[in-house]
Amino acid sequence: MRGSLEENIRRGSLEIVADLLDASCHGVRKTELISRCNLSFPQFKKYLQLALKANLITLENAESCILLKLSDKGKEFLKAYQHLKTLLEH
């Protein structure tokens, strides 16, 4: 989703939320999501709470863990975000 190193350093809140959503498309554990999104634990907690409160991500009980999964509303958000990002690049 991200390009250059400079873009990685300057991610804004919307981009971080979009990264969380993109990484949780198929269900993922918290630790894997933190790693995929390159976040500290405090950052992760902040953005996870935001995504949960907005119903963009759901929590699902798996066999021995809790998985974070993209909700239908999260899919709509991610699609709209990606569309806007494409418009800005052209």
N, C-alpha and C. Protein backbone atom coordinates (compact mmCIF):
# COMPACT_ATOMS: atom_id res chain seq x y z
N MET A 1 0.82 -1.18 0.00
CA MET A 1 0.00 0.00 0.00
C MET A 1 0.88 1.25 0.00
N ARG A 2 2.01 1.23 0.71
CA ARG A 2 2.88 2.39 0.80
C ARG A 2 4.01 2.25 -0.21
N GLY A 3 4.56 3.40 -0.59
CA GLY A 3 5.62 3.39 -1.58
C GLY A 3 6.99 3.64 -0.99
N SER A 4 7.41 4.88 -0.99
CA SER A 4 8.77 5.22 -0.58
C SER A 4 8.92 5.23 0.94
N LEU A 5 10.17 5.26 1.38
CA LEU A 5 10.47 5.31 2.81
C LEU A 5 9.91 6.58 3.42
N GLU A 6 9.98 7.70 2.71
CA GLU A 6 9.46 8.97 3.22
C GLU A 6 7.96 8.86 3.50
N GLU A 7 7.23 8.18 2.64
CA GLU A 7 5.80 8.00 2.87
C GLU A 7 5.55 7.18 4.13
N ASN A 8 6.38 6.17 4.38
CA ASN A 8 6.23 5.33 5.56
C ASN A 8 6.40 6.14 6.84
N ILE A 9 7.33 7.06 6.83
CA ILE A 9 7.62 7.86 8.01
C ILE A 9 6.49 8.84 8.29
N ARG A 10 5.84 9.32 7.28
CA ARG A 10 4.86 10.39 7.42
C ARG A 10 3.41 9.90 7.29
N ARG A 11 3.15 8.70 7.68
CA ARG A 11 1.77 8.21 7.58
C ARG A 11 0.85 9.01 8.48
N GLY A 12 -0.31 9.32 7.96
CA GLY A 12 -1.33 9.99 8.75
C GLY A 12 -2.30 8.98 9.33
N SER A 13 -3.22 9.47 10.12
CA SER A 13 -4.19 8.60 10.78
C SER A 13 -5.01 7.78 9.80
N LEU A 14 -5.48 8.41 8.73
CA LEU A 14 -6.29 7.67 7.76
C LEU A 14 -5.49 6.56 7.09
N GLU A 15 -4.23 6.84 6.78
CA GLU A 15 -3.40 5.81 6.15
C GLU A 15 -3.13 4.66 7.11
N ILE A 16 -2.91 4.97 8.38
CA ILE A 16 -2.68 3.92 9.37
C ILE A 16 -3.93 3.05 9.53
N VAL A 17 -5.09 3.68 9.60
CA VAL A 17 -6.35 2.92 9.69
C VAL A 17 -6.52 2.07 8.44
N ALA A 18 -6.25 2.63 7.27
CA ALA A 18 -6.35 1.87 6.03
C ALA A 18 -5.39 0.68 6.03
N ASP A 19 -4.19 0.88 6.55
CA ASP A 19 -3.23 -0.22 6.65
C ASP A 19 -3.75 -1.32 7.56
N LEU A 20 -4.34 -0.93 8.70
CA LEU A 20 -4.93 -1.91 9.61
C LEU A 20 -6.03 -2.71 8.92
N LEU A 21 -6.88 -2.01 8.20
CA LEU A 21 -7.98 -2.67 7.52
C LEU A 21 -7.48 -3.60 6.43
N ASP A 22 -6.54 -3.12 5.65
CA ASP A 22 -5.98 -3.93 4.57
C ASP A 22 -5.32 -5.20 5.11
N ALA A 23 -4.63 -5.08 6.22
CA ALA A 23 -3.93 -6.23 6.80
C ALA A 23 -4.88 -7.21 7.48
N SER A 24 -6.09 -6.77 7.79
CA SER A 24 -7.02 -7.65 8.50
C SER A 24 -8.11 -8.21 7.59
N CYS A 25 -7.92 -8.15 6.29
CA CYS A 25 -8.92 -8.62 5.33
C CYS A 25 -9.37 -10.06 5.58
N HIS A 26 -8.45 -10.93 5.90
CA HIS A 26 -8.78 -12.35 6.02
C HIS A 26 -8.72 -12.86 7.46
N GLY A 27 -8.67 -11.97 8.40
CA GLY A 27 -8.57 -12.36 9.80
C GLY A 27 -7.12 -12.49 10.21
N VAL A 28 -6.76 -11.84 11.30
CA VAL A 28 -5.37 -11.82 11.73
C VAL A 28 -5.31 -11.64 13.25
N ARG A 29 -4.27 -12.16 13.85
CA ARG A 29 -4.05 -11.96 15.29
C ARG A 29 -3.45 -10.59 15.52
N LYS A 30 -3.62 -10.10 16.76
CA LYS A 30 -3.12 -8.76 17.09
C LYS A 30 -1.63 -8.62 16.82
N THR A 31 -0.84 -9.59 17.27
CA THR A 31 0.61 -9.46 17.12
C THR A 31 1.03 -9.42 15.66
N GLU A 32 0.36 -10.19 14.83
CA GLU A 32 0.68 -10.18 13.40
C GLU A 32 0.28 -8.84 12.77
N LEU A 33 -0.84 -8.30 13.22
CA LEU A 33 -1.31 -7.02 12.70
C LEU A 33 -0.35 -5.89 13.08
N ILE A 34 0.14 -5.91 14.31
CA ILE A 34 1.10 -4.90 14.76
C ILE A 34 2.34 -4.94 13.87
N SER A 35 2.81 -6.15 13.60
CA SER A 35 4.00 -6.33 12.77
C SER A 35 3.75 -5.88 11.32
N ARG A 36 2.64 -6.31 10.75
CA ARG A 36 2.33 -5.96 9.35
C ARG A 36 2.20 -4.46 9.15
N CYS A 37 1.66 -3.78 10.15
CA CYS A 37 1.41 -2.34 10.03
C CYS A 37 2.56 -1.49 10.57
N ASN A 38 3.58 -2.14 11.11
CA ASN A 38 4.76 -1.44 11.62
C ASN A 38 4.37 -0.38 12.66
N LEU A 39 3.64 -0.83 13.69
CA LEU A 39 3.18 0.07 14.75
C LEU A 39 3.74 -0.36 16.09
N SER A 40 3.89 0.59 16.99
CA SER A 40 4.20 0.26 18.38
C SER A 40 2.90 -0.21 19.02
N PHE A 41 2.99 -0.85 20.18
CA PHE A 41 1.77 -1.33 20.82
C PHE A 41 0.84 -0.18 21.21
N PRO A 42 1.36 0.94 21.78
CA PRO A 42 0.45 2.07 22.08
C PRO A 42 -0.25 2.63 20.84
N GLN A 43 0.49 2.73 19.74
CA GLN A 43 -0.13 3.19 18.49
C GLN A 43 -1.20 2.21 18.04
N PHE A 44 -0.87 0.93 18.10
CA PHE A 44 -1.82 -0.11 17.69
C PHE A 44 -3.11 0.00 18.50
N LYS A 45 -2.98 0.13 19.81
CA LYS A 45 -4.16 0.23 20.68
C LYS A 45 -5.03 1.42 20.28
N LYS A 46 -4.38 2.55 20.03
CA LYS A 46 -5.10 3.77 19.66
C LYS A 46 -5.92 3.56 18.38
N TYR A 47 -5.26 3.04 17.34
CA TYR A 47 -5.94 2.89 16.06
C TYR A 47 -6.90 1.71 16.03
N LEU A 48 -6.62 0.68 16.80
CA LEU A 48 -7.56 -0.43 16.90
C LEU A 48 -8.85 0.04 17.57
N GLN A 49 -8.73 0.80 18.65
CA GLN A 49 -9.92 1.33 19.33
C GLN A 49 -10.73 2.20 18.38
N LEU A 50 -10.05 3.02 17.60
CA LEU A 50 -10.73 3.87 16.63
C LEU A 50 -11.49 3.01 15.60
N ALA A 51 -10.82 1.99 15.07
CA ALA A 51 -11.44 1.12 14.06
C ALA A 51 -12.60 0.31 14.64
N LEU A 52 -12.44 -0.15 15.87
CA LEU A 52 -13.52 -0.91 16.52
C LEU A 52 -14.72 -0.01 16.80
N LYS A 53 -14.47 1.18 17.29
CA LYS A 53 -15.54 2.12 17.62
C LYS A 53 -16.33 2.50 16.37
N ALA A 54 -15.65 2.60 15.24
CA ALA A 54 -16.30 2.94 13.97
C ALA A 54 -16.87 1.72 13.26
N ASN A 55 -16.75 0.54 13.89
CA ASN A 55 -17.24 -0.72 13.32
C ASN A 55 -16.58 -1.07 11.99
N LEU A 56 -15.29 -0.73 11.86
CA LEU A 56 -14.54 -1.06 10.65
C LEU A 56 -13.89 -2.43 10.75
N ILE A 57 -13.66 -2.88 11.98
CA ILE A 57 -13.05 -4.18 12.27
C ILE A 57 -13.91 -4.88 13.30
N THR A 58 -13.99 -6.19 13.18
CA THR A 58 -14.72 -6.99 14.18
C THR A 58 -13.75 -7.95 14.85
N LEU A 59 -14.13 -8.38 16.05
CA LEU A 59 -13.36 -9.38 16.79
C LEU A 59 -14.09 -10.71 16.67
N GLU A 60 -13.35 -11.76 16.33
CA GLU A 60 -13.94 -13.08 16.21
C GLU A 60 -13.15 -14.07 17.04
N ASN A 61 -13.85 -14.92 17.77
CA ASN A 61 -13.19 -15.96 18.54
C ASN A 61 -12.82 -17.10 17.60
N ALA A 62 -11.54 -17.43 17.57
CA ALA A 62 -11.07 -18.58 16.80
C ALA A 62 -10.78 -19.69 17.80
N GLU A 63 -10.15 -20.75 17.37
CA GLU A 63 -9.90 -21.90 18.23
C GLU A 63 -9.27 -21.51 19.56
N SER A 64 -8.12 -20.90 19.52
CA SER A 64 -7.44 -20.55 20.78
C SER A 64 -7.01 -19.08 20.83
N CYS A 65 -7.60 -18.28 19.97
CA CYS A 65 -7.20 -16.87 19.93
C CYS A 65 -8.36 -16.01 19.42
N ILE A 66 -8.13 -14.72 19.45
CA ILE A 66 -9.09 -13.77 18.90
C ILE A 66 -8.51 -13.22 17.60
N LEU A 67 -9.32 -13.27 16.56
CA LEU A 67 -8.90 -12.73 15.27
C LEU A 67 -9.60 -11.40 15.01
N LEU A 68 -8.87 -10.50 14.40
CA LEU A 68 -9.42 -9.22 13.96
C LEU A 68 -9.76 -9.38 12.49
N LYS A 69 -10.97 -9.00 12.13
CA LYS A 69 -11.43 -9.19 10.77
C LYS A 69 -12.10 -7.93 10.24
N LEU A 70 -11.91 -7.69 8.98
CA LEU A 70 -12.50 -6.53 8.31
C LEU A 70 -14.02 -6.69 8.24
N SER A 71 -14.75 -5.67 8.66
CA SER A 71 -16.21 -5.69 8.59
C SER A 71 -16.66 -5.20 7.21
N ASP A 72 -17.95 -5.33 6.93
CA ASP A 72 -18.47 -4.80 5.66
C ASP A 72 -18.26 -3.30 5.56
N LYS A 73 -18.48 -2.60 6.67
CA LYS A 73 -18.25 -1.15 6.70
C LYS A 73 -16.76 -0.85 6.47
N GLY A 74 -15.89 -1.69 7.03
CA GLY A 74 -14.45 -1.54 6.82
C GLY A 74 -14.07 -1.73 5.37
N LYS A 75 -14.72 -2.67 4.70
CA LYS A 75 -14.48 -2.90 3.27
C LYS A 75 -14.86 -1.67 2.46
N GLU A 76 -16.00 -1.07 2.81
CA GLU A 76 -16.44 0.15 2.12
C GLU A 76 -15.44 1.29 2.35
N PHE A 77 -14.98 1.45 3.60
CA PHE A 77 -14.01 2.48 3.93
C PHE A 77 -12.73 2.28 3.13
N LEU A 78 -12.23 1.06 3.12
CA LEU A 78 -10.97 0.76 2.43
C LEU A 78 -11.09 1.01 0.94
N LYS A 79 -12.21 0.62 0.35
CA LYS A 79 -12.44 0.85 -1.07
C LYS A 79 -12.47 2.35 -1.38
N ALA A 80 -13.19 3.12 -0.55
CA ALA A 80 -13.27 4.57 -0.75
C ALA A 80 -11.90 5.22 -0.56
N TYR A 81 -11.15 4.78 0.46
CA TYR A 81 -9.82 5.33 0.71
C TYR A 81 -8.90 5.07 -0.48
N GLN A 82 -8.92 3.86 -0.99
CA GLN A 82 -8.06 3.51 -2.13
C GLN A 82 -8.45 4.30 -3.37
N HIS A 83 -9.75 4.53 -3.56
CA HIS A 83 -10.22 5.33 -4.69
C HIS A 83 -9.72 6.77 -4.58
N LEU A 84 -9.86 7.36 -3.41
CA LEU A 84 -9.39 8.73 -3.20
C LEU A 84 -7.88 8.85 -3.38
N LYS A 85 -7.17 7.86 -2.89
CA LYS A 85 -5.71 7.86 -3.04
C LYS A 85 -5.32 7.81 -4.52
N THR A 86 -6.05 7.01 -5.29
CA THR A 86 -5.79 6.93 -6.74
C THR A 86 -6.07 8.26 -7.41
N LEU A 87 -7.16 8.91 -7.03
CA LEU A 87 -7.49 10.22 -7.61
C LEU A 87 -6.40 11.26 -7.32
N LEU A 88 -5.83 11.21 -6.12
CA LEU A 88 -4.81 12.17 -5.75
C LEU A 88 -3.48 11.92 -6.47
N GLU A 89 -3.24 10.69 -6.88
CA GLU A 89 -1.98 10.35 -7.54
C GLU A 89 -1.98 10.75 -9.02
N HIS A 90 -3.14 11.01 -9.59
CA HIS A 90 -3.21 11.34 -11.03
C HIS A 90 -3.36 12.79 -11.28
